């Protein structure tokens, strides 16, 4: 292999980007490494199919703005990724481009500045959905307590609702994260490796103590393992939630034809705390939000609180009521 090919190959700087820059120098979280890794896996496989060349044979000249833009179009048009997923993949591409410009002086980099100029795509932020108290209770009671997986799932959903934690935080819990003070509190390591400790409700403590007594896990064992003793995956947790929702639909018909995700349980925790009068700052700390703006989305979607604010502005003391359109107006709108 000649010197020119070595300085132009894509493999060497990409490996240094992950091992030296991200892991050793920046010490980013494993979740960030995994996200960037998956982005480049998709990018290299796309180029392999488009150019009929193996990833090991690619040069830095293949890492160009036109190729990155074509890859992003491929994600949206053929893989049907939404704008948020597209932007996440672009973040990995831009991070590598910035690394090439700033640190990789050995290679003769192509004009990667154009990659840094690729804009993120704007996307519509939908209203945050949540479950009512009745729906949450139906969901928590849905798993079958007579079997091991049912007892695990009950604890899984109870922890999701009690803590409002991200599903990734819940599934990576170990026994030592809850056993330090007889299950009074739980310790999380969230985004950015920020740690937070939350208290547990009485019902959660009872489920947790019974689970630990039943299984006698060692301290470093996953708290909610799969049947192989490993951490439950995100897809596994989502599947178990779908099973529970299907069972709960019989007792709670409002679940019918609704898409319920683990993150919606997190939203529900925030909404119920907000409706109980808990301050936004406390909710932000509880959920592990870095910025209070993220927590404001729950306030924007709470129609009941908006109506209460509107009523407080009413000058007249007459009884307020919702506007009810006439049948003629509905007919007019239906004909549009």
C-alpha atoms as a PDB file:
ATOM      1  CA  UNK A   1       0.000   0.000   0.000  1.00  0.00           C
ATOM      2  CA  UNK A   2       1.584   3.312  -1.041  1.00  0.00           C
ATOM      3  CA  UNK A   3       1.797   6.432   1.100  1.00  0.00           C
ATOM      4  CA  UNK A   4      -0.706   8.417  -0.935  1.00  0.00           C
ATOM      5  CA  UNK A   5      -3.425   5.807  -0.420  1.00  0.00           C
ATOM      6  CA  UNK A   6      -2.759   5.648   3.324  1.00  0.00           C
ATOM      7  CA  UNK A   7      -3.132   9.405   3.747  1.00  0.00           C
ATOM      8  CA  UNK A   8      -6.354   9.392   1.727  1.00  0.00           C
ATOM      9  CA  UNK A   9      -8.118   6.378   3.176  1.00  0.00           C
ATOM     10  CA  UNK A  10     -11.371   6.891   5.097  1.00  0.00           C
ATOM     11  CA  UNK A  11     -10.874   4.015   7.543  1.00  0.00           C
ATOM     12  CA  UNK A  12      -7.904   5.402   9.519  1.00  0.00           C
ATOM     13  CA  UNK A  13      -9.274   8.856  10.426  1.00  0.00           C
ATOM     14  CA  UNK A  14     -12.716   7.380  11.121  1.00  0.00           C
ATOM     15  CA  UNK A  15     -11.198   4.891  13.564  1.00  0.00           C
ATOM     16  CA  UNK A  16      -9.166   7.669  15.223  1.00  0.00           C
ATOM     17  CA  UNK A  17     -12.324   9.781  15.439  1.00  0.00           C
ATOM     18  CA  UNK A  18     -14.027   7.102  17.536  1.00  0.00           C
ATOM     19  CA  UNK A  19     -11.163   5.680  19.605  1.00  0.00           C
ATOM     20  CA  UNK A  20      -8.968   8.719  20.212  1.00  0.00           C
ATOM     21  CA  UNK A  21     -11.284  11.702  19.870  1.00  0.00           C
ATOM     22  CA  UNK A  22     -14.705  10.593  21.123  1.00  0.00           C
ATOM     23  CA  UNK A  23     -13.730   7.949  23.674  1.00  0.00           C
ATOM     24  CA  UNK A  24     -10.271   8.946  24.970  1.00  0.00           C
ATOM     25  CA  UNK A  25     -10.225  12.740  24.563  1.00  0.00           C
ATOM     26  CA  UNK A  26     -13.879  13.776  24.940  1.00  0.00           C
ATOM     27  CA  UNK A  27     -15.003  10.771  27.016  1.00  0.00           C
ATOM     28  CA  UNK A  28     -18.487  10.918  25.529  1.00  0.00           C
ATOM     29  CA  UNK A  29     -21.184   8.596  26.811  1.00  0.00           C
ATOM     30  CA  UNK A  30     -21.632   5.081  25.388  1.00  0.00           C
ATOM     31  CA  UNK A  31     -25.012   6.203  24.050  1.00  0.00           C
ATOM     32  CA  UNK A  32     -23.345   8.923  21.951  1.00  0.00           C
ATOM     33  CA  UNK A  33     -20.742   6.487  20.643  1.00  0.00           C
ATOM     34  CA  UNK A  34     -23.486   4.027  19.717  1.00  0.00           C
ATOM     35  CA  UNK A  35     -25.526   6.726  17.958  1.00  0.00           C
ATOM     36  CA  UNK A  36     -22.547   7.914  15.888  1.00  0.00           C
ATOM     37  CA  UNK A  37     -21.530   4.324  15.164  1.00  0.00           C
ATOM     38  CA  UNK A  38     -24.967   3.460  13.821  1.00  0.00           C
ATOM     39  CA  UNK A  39     -24.974   6.621  11.699  1.00  0.00           C
ATOM     40  CA  UNK A  40     -21.709   5.700  10.002  1.00  0.00           C
ATOM     41  CA  UNK A  41     -22.809   2.099   9.564  1.00  0.00           C
ATOM     42  CA  UNK A  42     -25.812   3.336   7.598  1.00  0.00           C
ATOM     43  CA  UNK A  43     -23.711   5.859   5.659  1.00  0.00           C
ATOM     44  CA  UNK A  44     -21.050   3.331   4.641  1.00  0.00           C
ATOM     45  CA  UNK A  45     -23.625   0.732   3.650  1.00  0.00           C
ATOM     46  CA  UNK A  46     -25.398   3.344   1.556  1.00  0.00           C
ATOM     47  CA  UNK A  47     -22.144   4.253  -0.221  1.00  0.00           C
ATOM     48  CA  UNK A  48     -21.303   0.570  -0.660  1.00  0.00           C
ATOM     49  CA  UNK A  49     -24.593   0.018  -2.470  1.00  0.00           C
ATOM     50  CA  UNK A  50     -24.422   3.255  -4.465  1.00  0.00           C
ATOM     51  CA  UNK A  51     -20.778   2.996  -5.546  1.00  0.00           C
ATOM     52  CA  UNK A  52     -20.324  -0.787  -5.622  1.00  0.00           C
ATOM     53  CA  UNK A  53     -17.241  -0.534  -3.412  1.00  0.00           C
ATOM     54  CA  UNK A  54     -16.493  -1.992  -0.004  1.00  0.00           C
ATOM     55  CA  UNK A  55     -16.209   0.463   2.911  1.00  0.00           C
ATOM     56  CA  UNK A  56     -12.575  -0.569   3.487  1.00  0.00           C
ATOM     57  CA  UNK A  57     -11.720   0.627  -0.045  1.00  0.00           C
ATOM     58  CA  UNK A  58     -13.256   4.087   0.371  1.00  0.00           C
ATOM     59  CA  UNK A  59     -11.174   7.258   0.565  1.00  0.00           C
ATOM     60  CA  UNK A  60     -11.733  10.578   2.281  1.00  0.00           C
ATOM     61  CA  UNK A  61     -12.727  11.896  -1.138  1.00  0.00           C
ATOM     62  CA  UNK A  62     -15.950   9.874  -0.684  1.00  0.00           C
ATOM     63  CA  UNK A  63     -16.849  11.877   2.414  1.00  0.00           C
ATOM     64  CA  UNK A  64     -18.328  14.857   0.597  1.00  0.00           C
ATOM     65  CA  UNK A  65     -21.338  17.117   0.968  1.00  0.00           C
ATOM     66  CA  UNK A  66     -23.089  15.658  -2.125  1.00  0.00           C
ATOM     67  CA  UNK A  67     -22.699  12.111  -0.764  1.00  0.00           C
ATOM     68  CA  UNK A  68     -23.900  13.136   2.692  1.00  0.00           C
ATOM     69  CA  UNK A  69     -26.910  14.949   1.201  1.00  0.00           C
ATOM     70  CA  UNK A  70     -27.736  11.921  -0.945  1.00  0.00           C
ATOM     71  CA  UNK A  71     -27.491   9.734   2.161  1.00  0.00           C
ATOM     72  CA  UNK A  72     -29.871  12.018   4.085  1.00  0.00           C
ATOM     73  CA  UNK A  73     -32.345  11.903   1.185  1.00  0.00           C
ATOM     74  CA  UNK A  74     -32.037   8.095   1.213  1.00  0.00           C
ATOM     75  CA  UNK A  75     -32.929   8.037   4.916  1.00  0.00           C
ATOM     76  CA  UNK A  76     -36.068  10.073   4.376  1.00  0.00           C
ATOM     77  CA  UNK A  77     -37.278   8.660   1.074  1.00  0.00           C
ATOM     78  CA  UNK A  78     -36.349   4.978   1.277  1.00  0.00           C
ATOM     79  CA  UNK A  79     -36.011   4.294   5.000  1.00  0.00           C
ATOM     80  CA  UNK A  80     -38.893   6.695   5.810  1.00  0.00           C
ATOM     81  CA  UNK A  81     -36.984   8.394   8.626  1.00  0.00           C
ATOM     82  CA  UNK A  82     -38.481  11.523  10.102  1.00  0.00           C
ATOM     83  CA  UNK A  83     -36.685  14.860  10.307  1.00  0.00           C
ATOM     84  CA  UNK A  84     -35.488  14.205  13.855  1.00  0.00           C
ATOM     85  CA  UNK A  85     -33.775  10.952  12.841  1.00  0.00           C
ATOM     86  CA  UNK A  86     -32.315  12.642   9.782  1.00  0.00           C
ATOM     87  CA  UNK A  87     -30.903  15.434  11.965  1.00  0.00           C
ATOM     88  CA  UNK A  88     -29.383  12.921  14.382  1.00  0.00           C
ATOM     89  CA  UNK A  89     -27.499  11.213  11.527  1.00  0.00           C
ATOM     90  CA  UNK A  90     -26.375  14.600  10.237  1.00  0.00           C
ATOM     91  CA  UNK A  91     -24.950  15.430  13.678  1.00  0.00           C
ATOM     92  CA  UNK A  92     -22.608  12.440  13.409  1.00  0.00           C
ATOM     93  CA  UNK A  93     -21.483  13.493   9.917  1.00  0.00           C
ATOM     94  CA  UNK A  94     -20.838  17.066  11.049  1.00  0.00           C
ATOM     95  CA  UNK A  95     -18.926  15.936  14.134  1.00  0.00           C
ATOM     96  CA  UNK A  96     -16.575  13.862  11.973  1.00  0.00           C
ATOM     97  CA  UNK A  97     -16.154  16.744   9.520  1.00  0.00           C
ATOM     98  CA  UNK A  98     -15.256  19.130  12.342  1.00  0.00           C
ATOM     99  CA  UNK A  99     -12.750  16.576  13.668  1.00  0.00           C
ATOM    100  CA  UNK A 100     -11.076  16.306  10.255  1.00  0.00           C
ATOM    101  CA  UNK A 101     -10.698  20.061  10.006  1.00  0.00           C
ATOM    102  CA  UNK A 102      -9.435  20.584  13.542  1.00  0.00           C
ATOM    103  CA  UNK A 103      -7.344  17.549  14.406  1.00  0.00           C
ATOM    104  CA  UNK A 104      -6.514  15.281  11.494  1.00  0.00           C
ATOM    105  CA  UNK A 105      -3.593  17.249  10.028  1.00  0.00           C
ATOM    106  CA  UNK A 106      -1.867  14.122   8.636  1.00  0.00           C
ATOM    107  CA  UNK A 107      -4.527  13.501   6.007  1.00  0.00           C
ATOM    108  CA  UNK A 108      -5.264  15.750   3.062  1.00  0.00           C
ATOM    109  CA  UNK A 109      -8.924  16.345   3.790  1.00  0.00           C
ATOM    110  CA  UNK A 110     -11.384  17.176   1.017  1.00  0.00           C
ATOM    111  CA  UNK A 111     -13.489  20.365   1.359  1.00  0.00           C
ATOM    112  CA  UNK A 112     -15.505  19.067   4.297  1.00  0.00           C
ATOM    113  CA  UNK A 113     -16.505  22.627   5.255  1.00  0.00           C
ATOM    114  CA  UNK A 114     -19.500  22.153   2.966  1.00  0.00           C
ATOM    115  CA  UNK A 115     -20.682  19.287   5.184  1.00  0.00           C
ATOM    116  CA  UNK A 116     -20.684  21.628   8.176  1.00  0.00           C
ATOM    117  CA  UNK A 117     -22.889  23.978   6.164  1.00  0.00           C
ATOM    118  CA  UNK A 118     -25.643  21.388   5.621  1.00  0.00           C
ATOM    119  CA  UNK A 119     -28.586  22.697   7.673  1.00  0.00           C
ATOM    120  CA  UNK A 120     -30.697  20.741  10.069  1.00  0.00           C
ATOM    121  CA  UNK A 121     -34.238  20.221   8.855  1.00  0.00           C
ATOM    122  CA  UNK A 122     -37.011  21.881  10.799  1.00  0.00           C
ATOM    123  CA  UNK A 123     -39.774  19.642  12.058  1.00  0.00           C
ATOM    124  CA  UNK A 124     -43.181  20.105  13.599  1.00  0.00           C
ATOM    125  CA  UNK A 125     -43.284  19.441  17.309  1.00  0.00           C
ATOM    126  CA  UNK A 126     -46.537  17.611  18.072  1.00  0.00           C
ATOM    127  CA  UNK A 127     -48.481  18.170  21.259  1.00  0.00           C
ATOM    128  CA  UNK A 128     -47.231  16.005  24.076  1.00  0.00           C
ATOM    129  CA  UNK A 129     -49.576  13.084  24.697  1.00  0.00           C
ATOM    130  CA  UNK A 130     -50.214  11.546  28.083  1.00  0.00           C
ATOM    131  CA  UNK A 131     -52.348   8.975  29.875  1.00  0.00           C
ATOM    132  CA  UNK A 132     -55.015   9.732  32.444  1.00  0.00           C
ATOM    133  CA  UNK A 133     -54.778   8.460  36.006  1.00  0.00           C
ATOM    134  CA  UNK A 134     -57.366   5.784  35.180  1.00  0.00           C
ATOM    135  CA  UNK A 135     -55.397   4.631  32.150  1.00  0.00           C
ATOM    136  CA  UNK A 136     -52.140   4.516  34.116  1.00  0.00           C
ATOM    137  CA  UNK A 137     -53.724   2.358  36.809  1.00  0.00           C
ATOM    138  CA  UNK A 138     -55.165  -0.005  34.199  1.00  0.00           C
ATOM    139  CA  UNK A 139     -51.743  -0.307  32.592  1.00  0.00           C
ATOM    140  CA  UNK A 140     -49.960  -0.969  35.885  1.00  0.00           C
ATOM    141  CA  UNK A 141     -52.413  -3.762  36.712  1.00  0.00           C
ATOM    142  CA  UNK A 142     -52.338  -5.351  33.256  1.00  0.00           C
ATOM    143  CA  UNK A 143     -49.274  -7.681  33.539  1.00  0.00           C
ATOM    144  CA  UNK A 144     -50.031 -11.108  34.963  1.00  0.00           C
ATOM    145  CA  UNK A 145     -48.584 -11.340  38.521  1.00  0.00           C
ATOM    146  CA  UNK A 146     -48.703 -15.151  38.401  1.00  0.00           C
ATOM    147  CA  UNK A 147     -45.679 -15.404  36.073  1.00  0.00           C
ATOM    148  CA  UNK A 148     -42.097 -14.125  36.315  1.00  0.00           C
ATOM    149  CA  UNK A 149     -42.306 -11.884  33.255  1.00  0.00           C
ATOM    150  CA  UNK A 150     -45.581 -10.410  34.497  1.00  0.00           C
ATOM    151  CA  UNK A 151     -44.044  -9.483  37.852  1.00  0.00           C
ATOM    152  CA  UNK A 152     -41.034  -7.987  36.093  1.00  0.00           C
ATOM    153  CA  UNK A 153     -43.272  -5.982  33.755  1.00  0.00           C
ATOM    154  CA  UNK A 154     -45.336  -4.661  36.653  1.00  0.00           C
ATOM    155  CA  UNK A 155     -42.165  -3.378  38.282  1.00  0.00           C
ATOM    156  CA  UNK A 156     -40.928  -1.993  34.947  1.00  0.00           C
ATOM    157  CA  UNK A 157     -44.075   0.090  34.372  1.00  0.00           C
ATOM    158  CA  UNK A 158     -44.301   1.099  38.023  1.00  0.00           C
ATOM    159  CA  UNK A 159     -40.734   2.427  37.917  1.00  0.00           C
ATOM    160  CA  UNK A 160     -41.374   4.222  34.625  1.00  0.00           C
ATOM    161  CA  UNK A 161     -44.378   6.023  36.091  1.00  0.00           C
ATOM    162  CA  UNK A 162     -43.006   6.646  39.594  1.00  0.00           C
ATOM    163  CA  UNK A 163     -39.731   8.128  38.363  1.00  0.00           C
ATOM    164  CA  UNK A 164     -40.670   9.520  34.959  1.00  0.00           C
ATOM    165  CA  UNK A 165     -37.310   8.214  33.781  1.00  0.00           C
ATOM    166  CA  UNK A 166     -36.368   7.535  30.182  1.00  0.00           C
ATOM    167  CA  UNK A 167     -36.765   3.902  29.217  1.00  0.00           C
ATOM    168  CA  UNK A 168     -33.017   3.732  28.498  1.00  0.00           C
ATOM    169  CA  UNK A 169     -32.356   4.761  32.113  1.00  0.00           C
ATOM    170  CA  UNK A 170     -34.764   2.157  33.489  1.00  0.00           C
ATOM    171  CA  UNK A 171     -33.531  -0.837  31.499  1.00  0.00           C
ATOM    172  CA  UNK A 172     -29.891  -0.131  32.428  1.00  0.00           C
ATOM    173  CA  UNK A 173     -30.569  -0.087  36.164  1.00  0.00           C
ATOM    174  CA  UNK A 174     -28.578  -2.494  38.309  1.00  0.00           C
ATOM    175  CA  UNK A 175     -29.514  -3.881  41.694  1.00  0.00           C
ATOM    176  CA  UNK A 176     -26.991  -1.605  43.409  1.00  0.00           C
ATOM    177  CA  UNK A 177     -28.901   1.431  42.087  1.00  0.00           C
ATOM    178  CA  UNK A 178     -31.897   0.629  44.321  1.00  0.00           C
ATOM    179  CA  UNK A 179     -30.540  -1.500  47.162  1.00  0.00           C
ATOM    180  CA  UNK A 180     -28.339   1.087  48.886  1.00  0.00           C
ATOM    181  CA  UNK A 181     -31.032   2.259  51.362  1.00  0.00           C
ATOM    182  CA  UNK A 182     -33.577  -0.565  51.440  1.00  0.00           C
ATOM    183  CA  UNK A 183     -35.233   0.599  48.235  1.00  0.00           C
ATOM    184  CA  UNK A 184     -36.174   4.032  49.567  1.00  0.00           C
ATOM    185  CA  UNK A 185     -34.560   5.801  46.606  1.00  0.00           C
ATOM    186  CA  UNK A 186     -33.314   5.049  43.117  1.00  0.00           C
ATOM    187  CA  UNK A 187     -30.179   6.364  41.396  1.00  0.00           C
ATOM    188  CA  UNK A 188     -30.034   7.204  37.696  1.00  0.00           C
ATOM    189  CA  UNK A 189     -27.243   8.185  35.345  1.00  0.00           C
ATOM    190  CA  UNK A 190     -28.953  10.112  32.581  1.00  0.00           C
ATOM    191  CA  UNK A 191     -27.958  12.130  29.521  1.00  0.00           C
ATOM    192  CA  UNK A 192     -24.537  13.729  29.767  1.00  0.00           C
ATOM    193  CA  UNK A 193     -23.715  11.274  32.579  1.00  0.00           C
ATOM    194  CA  UNK A 194     -25.613  13.454  35.024  1.00  0.00           C
ATOM    195  CA  UNK A 195     -26.675  11.535  38.114  1.00  0.00           C
ATOM    196  CA  UNK A 196     -29.879  12.095  40.040  1.00  0.00           C
ATOM    197  CA  UNK A 197     -31.511  10.339  42.984  1.00  0.00           C
ATOM    198  CA  UNK A 198     -35.305  10.102  43.300  1.00  0.00           C
ATOM    199  CA  UNK A 199     -37.534   8.845  46.123  1.00  0.00           C
ATOM    200  CA  UNK A 200     -39.804   5.868  45.534  1.00  0.00           C
ATOM    201  CA  UNK A 201     -43.462   5.629  46.459  1.00  0.00           C
ATOM    202  CA  UNK A 202     -44.714   3.033  48.931  1.00  0.00           C
ATOM    203  CA  UNK A 203     -46.317   0.889  46.220  1.00  0.00           C
ATOM    204  CA  UNK A 204     -43.091   0.918  44.183  1.00  0.00           C
ATOM    205  CA  UNK A 205     -41.014  -0.015  47.236  1.00  0.00           C
ATOM    206  CA  UNK A 206     -43.255  -2.997  47.964  1.00  0.00           C
ATOM    207  CA  UNK A 207     -42.971  -4.309  44.396  1.00  0.00           C
ATOM    208  CA  UNK A 208     -39.226  -3.710  44.355  1.00  0.00           C
ATOM    209  CA  UNK A 209     -38.517  -5.468  47.653  1.00  0.00           C
ATOM    210  CA  UNK A 210     -40.621  -8.463  46.658  1.00  0.00           C
ATOM    211  CA  UNK A 211     -38.786  -8.658  43.313  1.00  0.00           C
ATOM    212  CA  UNK A 212     -35.348  -8.552  44.918  1.00  0.00           C
ATOM    213  CA  UNK A 213     -36.364 -11.127  47.552  1.00  0.00           C
ATOM    214  CA  UNK A 214     -37.685 -13.454  44.857  1.00  0.00           C
ATOM    215  CA  UNK A 215     -34.614 -13.297  42.610  1.00  0.00           C
ATOM    216  CA  UNK A 216     -31.671 -12.683  44.988  1.00  0.00           C
ATOM    217  CA  UNK A 217     -29.677 -10.868  42.304  1.00  0.00           C
ATOM    218  CA  UNK A 218     -26.044  -9.865  42.988  1.00  0.00           C
ATOM    219  CA  UNK A 219     -25.410  -6.099  43.190  1.00  0.00           C
ATOM    220  CA  UNK A 220     -24.075  -5.722  39.635  1.00  0.00           C
ATOM    221  CA  UNK A 221     -26.919  -7.756  38.072  1.00  0.00           C
ATOM    222  CA  UNK A 222     -29.434  -5.964  35.812  1.00  0.00           C
ATOM    223  CA  UNK A 223     -32.491  -5.110  37.895  1.00  0.00           C
ATOM    224  CA  UNK A 224     -34.931  -5.937  35.072  1.00  0.00           C
ATOM    225  CA  UNK A 225     -33.240  -8.679  33.029  1.00  0.00           C
ATOM    226  CA  UNK A 226     -34.557 -10.543  30.035  1.00  0.00           C
ATOM    227  CA  UNK A 227     -34.867 -14.315  30.099  1.00  0.00           C
ATOM    228  CA  UNK A 228     -31.136 -14.624  29.354  1.00  0.00           C
ATOM    229  CA  UNK A 229     -30.150 -12.551  32.383  1.00  0.00           C
ATOM    230  CA  UNK A 230     -29.062  -9.566  30.278  1.00  0.00           C
ATOM    231  CA  UNK A 231     -30.379  -6.008  30.235  1.00  0.00           C
ATOM    232  CA  UNK A 232     -33.836  -5.733  28.720  1.00  0.00           C
ATOM    233  CA  UNK A 233     -33.550  -3.945  25.372  1.00  0.00           C
ATOM    234  CA  UNK A 234     -35.521  -0.864  24.329  1.00  0.00           C
ATOM    235  CA  UNK A 235     -37.391  -2.907  21.748  1.00  0.00           C
ATOM    236  CA  UNK A 236     -38.055  -5.577  24.374  1.00  0.00           C
ATOM    237  CA  UNK A 237     -39.511  -3.012  26.784  1.00  0.00           C
ATOM    238  CA  UNK A 238     -41.657  -1.549  23.993  1.00  0.00           C
ATOM    239  CA  UNK A 239     -42.930  -5.021  23.100  1.00  0.00           C
ATOM    240  CA  UNK A 240     -43.835  -5.822  26.711  1.00  0.00           C
ATOM    241  CA  UNK A 241     -45.692  -2.497  26.878  1.00  0.00           C
ATOM    242  CA  UNK A 242     -47.692  -3.395  23.757  1.00  0.00           C
ATOM    243  CA  UNK A 243     -48.646  -6.702  25.379  1.00  0.00           C
ATOM    244  CA  UNK A 244     -49.766  -4.889  28.526  1.00  0.00           C
ATOM    245  CA  UNK A 245     -51.750  -2.292  26.567  1.00  0.00           C
ATOM    246  CA  UNK A 246     -53.548  -5.060  24.677  1.00  0.00           C
ATOM    247  CA  UNK A 247     -54.486  -6.691  27.987  1.00  0.00           C
ATOM    248  CA  UNK A 248     -55.508  -3.366  29.556  1.00  0.00           C
ATOM    249  CA  UNK A 249     -57.746  -2.440  26.601  1.00  0.00           C
ATOM    250  CA  UNK A 250     -60.385  -4.914  27.780  1.00  0.00           C
ATOM    251  CA  UNK A 251     -60.787  -2.994  31.045  1.00  0.00           C
ATOM    252  CA  UNK A 252     -59.940   0.428  29.584  1.00  0.00           C
ATOM    253  CA  UNK A 253     -61.411   0.829  26.065  1.00  0.00           C
ATOM    254  CA  UNK A 254     -59.746   4.249  25.617  1.00  0.00           C
ATOM    255  CA  UNK A 255     -56.503   2.377  24.805  1.00  0.00           C
ATOM    256  CA  UNK A 256     -58.061   1.002  21.621  1.00  0.00           C
ATOM    257  CA  UNK A 257     -56.109   1.937  18.458  1.00  0.00           C
ATOM    258  CA  UNK A 258     -53.772   4.247  20.386  1.00  0.00           C
ATOM    259  CA  UNK A 259     -50.007   4.040  20.152  1.00  0.00           C
ATOM    260  CA  UNK A 260     -48.613   3.917  23.676  1.00  0.00           C
ATOM    261  CA  UNK A 261     -44.838   4.161  24.047  1.00  0.00           C
ATOM    262  CA  UNK A 262     -42.653   4.047  27.178  1.00  0.00           C
ATOM    263  CA  UNK A 263     -41.945   7.753  26.649  1.00  0.00           C
ATOM    264  CA  UNK A 264     -45.664   8.489  26.935  1.00  0.00           C
ATOM    265  CA  UNK A 265     -45.531   7.146  30.491  1.00  0.00           C
ATOM    266  CA  UNK A 266     -42.744   9.667  31.168  1.00  0.00           C
ATOM    267  CA  UNK A 267     -44.970  12.407  29.760  1.00  0.00           C
ATOM    268  CA  UNK A 268     -47.816  11.209  31.979  1.00  0.00           C
ATOM    269  CA  UNK A 269     -45.671  11.494  35.106  1.00  0.00           C
ATOM    270  CA  UNK A 270     -44.798  15.088  34.212  1.00  0.00           C
ATOM    271  CA  UNK A 271     -48.424  15.991  33.462  1.00  0.00           C
ATOM    272  CA  UNK A 272     -49.772  14.494  36.658  1.00  0.00           C
ATOM    273  CA  UNK A 273     -47.115  16.299  38.713  1.00  0.00           C
ATOM    274  CA  UNK A 274     -47.964  19.552  36.925  1.00  0.00           C
ATOM    275  CA  UNK A 275     -51.692  19.093  37.550  1.00  0.00           C
ATOM    276  CA  UNK A 276     -50.945  18.391  41.220  1.00  0.00           C
ATOM    277  CA  UNK A 277     -49.307  21.807  41.518  1.00  0.00           C
ATOM    278  CA  UNK A 278     -45.645  20.790  41.420  1.00  0.00           C
ATOM    279  CA  UNK A 279     -43.448  23.625  40.127  1.00  0.00           C
ATOM    280  CA  UNK A 280     -41.877  23.341  36.696  1.00  0.00           C
ATOM    281  CA  UNK A 281     -38.388  23.680  38.159  1.00  0.00           C
ATOM    282  CA  UNK A 282     -38.956  20.623  40.372  1.00  0.00           C
ATOM    283  CA  UNK A 283     -40.411  18.625  37.465  1.00  0.00           C
ATOM    284  CA  UNK A 284     -37.370  19.520  35.345  1.00  0.00           C
ATOM    285  CA  UNK A 285     -35.025  18.238  38.067  1.00  0.00           C
ATOM    286  CA  UNK A 286     -37.172  15.124  38.523  1.00  0.00           C
ATOM    287  CA  UNK A 287     -37.073  14.263  34.815  1.00  0.00           C
ATOM    288  CA  UNK A 288     -33.420  15.156  34.388  1.00  0.00           C
ATOM    289  CA  UNK A 289     -34.049  17.968  31.904  1.00  0.00           C
ATOM    290  CA  UNK A 290     -30.978  20.079  31.258  1.00  0.00           C
ATOM    291  CA  UNK A 291     -33.049  23.068  30.109  1.00  0.00           C
ATOM    292  CA  UNK A 292     -36.319  24.311  31.566  1.00  0.00           C
ATOM    293  CA  UNK A 293     -37.566  24.999  28.021  1.00  0.00           C
ATOM    294  CA  UNK A 294     -37.972  21.250  27.567  1.00  0.00           C
ATOM    295  CA  UNK A 295     -40.329  21.084  30.547  1.00  0.00           C
ATOM    296  CA  UNK A 296     -42.383  24.015  29.233  1.00  0.00           C
ATOM    297  CA  UNK A 297     -43.832  21.749  26.533  1.00  0.00           C
ATOM    298  CA  UNK A 298     -45.921  20.025  29.199  1.00  0.00           C
ATOM    299  CA  UNK A 299     -47.370  23.340  30.310  1.00  0.00           C
ATOM    300  CA  UNK A 300     -48.212  24.284  26.711  1.00  0.00           C
ATOM    301  CA  UNK A 301     -50.224  21.107  26.194  1.00  0.00           C
ATOM    302  CA  UNK A 302     -52.272  21.247  29.408  1.00  0.00           C
ATOM    303  CA  UNK A 303     -55.657  22.501  28.196  1.00  0.00           C
ATOM    304  CA  UNK A 304     -57.197  22.431  31.677  1.00  0.00           C
ATOM    305  CA  UNK A 305     -54.581  24.848  33.018  1.00  0.00           C
ATOM    306  CA  UNK A 306     -55.129  27.127  30.000  1.00  0.00           C
ATOM    307  CA  UNK A 307     -58.868  27.203  30.673  1.00  0.00           C
ATOM    308  CA  UNK A 308     -58.212  28.018  34.318  1.00  0.00           C
ATOM    309  CA  UNK A 309     -55.978  30.901  33.252  1.00  0.00           C
ATOM    310  CA  UNK A 310     -58.686  32.135  30.868  1.00  0.00           C
ATOM    311  CA  UNK A 311     -61.311  32.018  33.587  1.00  0.00           C
ATOM    312  CA  UNK A 312     -59.083  34.110  35.848  1.00  0.00           C
ATOM    313  CA  UNK A 313     -59.130  36.839  33.192  1.00  0.00           C
ATOM    314  CA  UNK A 314     -62.916  36.932  32.983  1.00  0.00           C
ATOM    315  CA  UNK A 315     -64.222  40.354  34.047  1.00  0.00           C
ATOM    316  CA  UNK A 316     -67.846  39.308  34.104  1.00  0.00           C
ATOM    317  CA  UNK A 317     -68.948  37.052  36.928  1.00  0.00           C
ATOM    318  CA  UNK A 318     -71.351  35.193  34.688  1.00  0.00           C
ATOM    319  CA  UNK A 319     -70.824  31.484  34.406  1.00  0.00           C
ATOM    320  CA  UNK A 320     -68.418  30.615  31.598  1.00  0.00           C
ATOM    321  CA  UNK A 321     -68.961  27.643  29.344  1.00  0.00           C
ATOM    322  CA  UNK A 322     -67.438  26.064  26.282  1.00  0.00           C
ATOM    323  CA  UNK A 323     -68.620  27.362  22.889  1.00  0.00           C
ATOM    324  CA  UNK A 324     -70.951  24.903  21.191  1.00  0.00           C
ATOM    325  CA  UNK A 325     -71.371  25.435  17.426  1.00  0.00           C
ATOM    326  CA  UNK A 326     -74.835  25.121  15.900  1.00  0.00           C
ATOM    327  CA  UNK A 327     -75.739  22.318  13.528  1.00  0.00           C
ATOM    328  CA  UNK A 328     -75.823  24.828  10.652  1.00  0.00           C
ATOM    329  CA  UNK A 329     -72.263  25.859  11.351  1.00  0.00           C
ATOM    330  CA  UNK A 330     -71.120  22.249  11.440  1.00  0.00           C
ATOM    331  CA  UNK A 331     -72.873  21.618   8.140  1.00  0.00           C
ATOM    332  CA  UNK A 332     -71.103  24.624   6.642  1.00  0.00           C
ATOM    333  CA  UNK A 333     -67.707  23.421   7.807  1.00  0.00           C
ATOM    334  CA  UNK A 334     -68.369  19.878   6.588  1.00  0.00           C
ATOM    335  CA  UNK A 335     -69.085  21.201   3.098  1.00  0.00           C
ATOM    336  CA  UNK A 336     -65.778  23.082   2.820  1.00  0.00           C
END
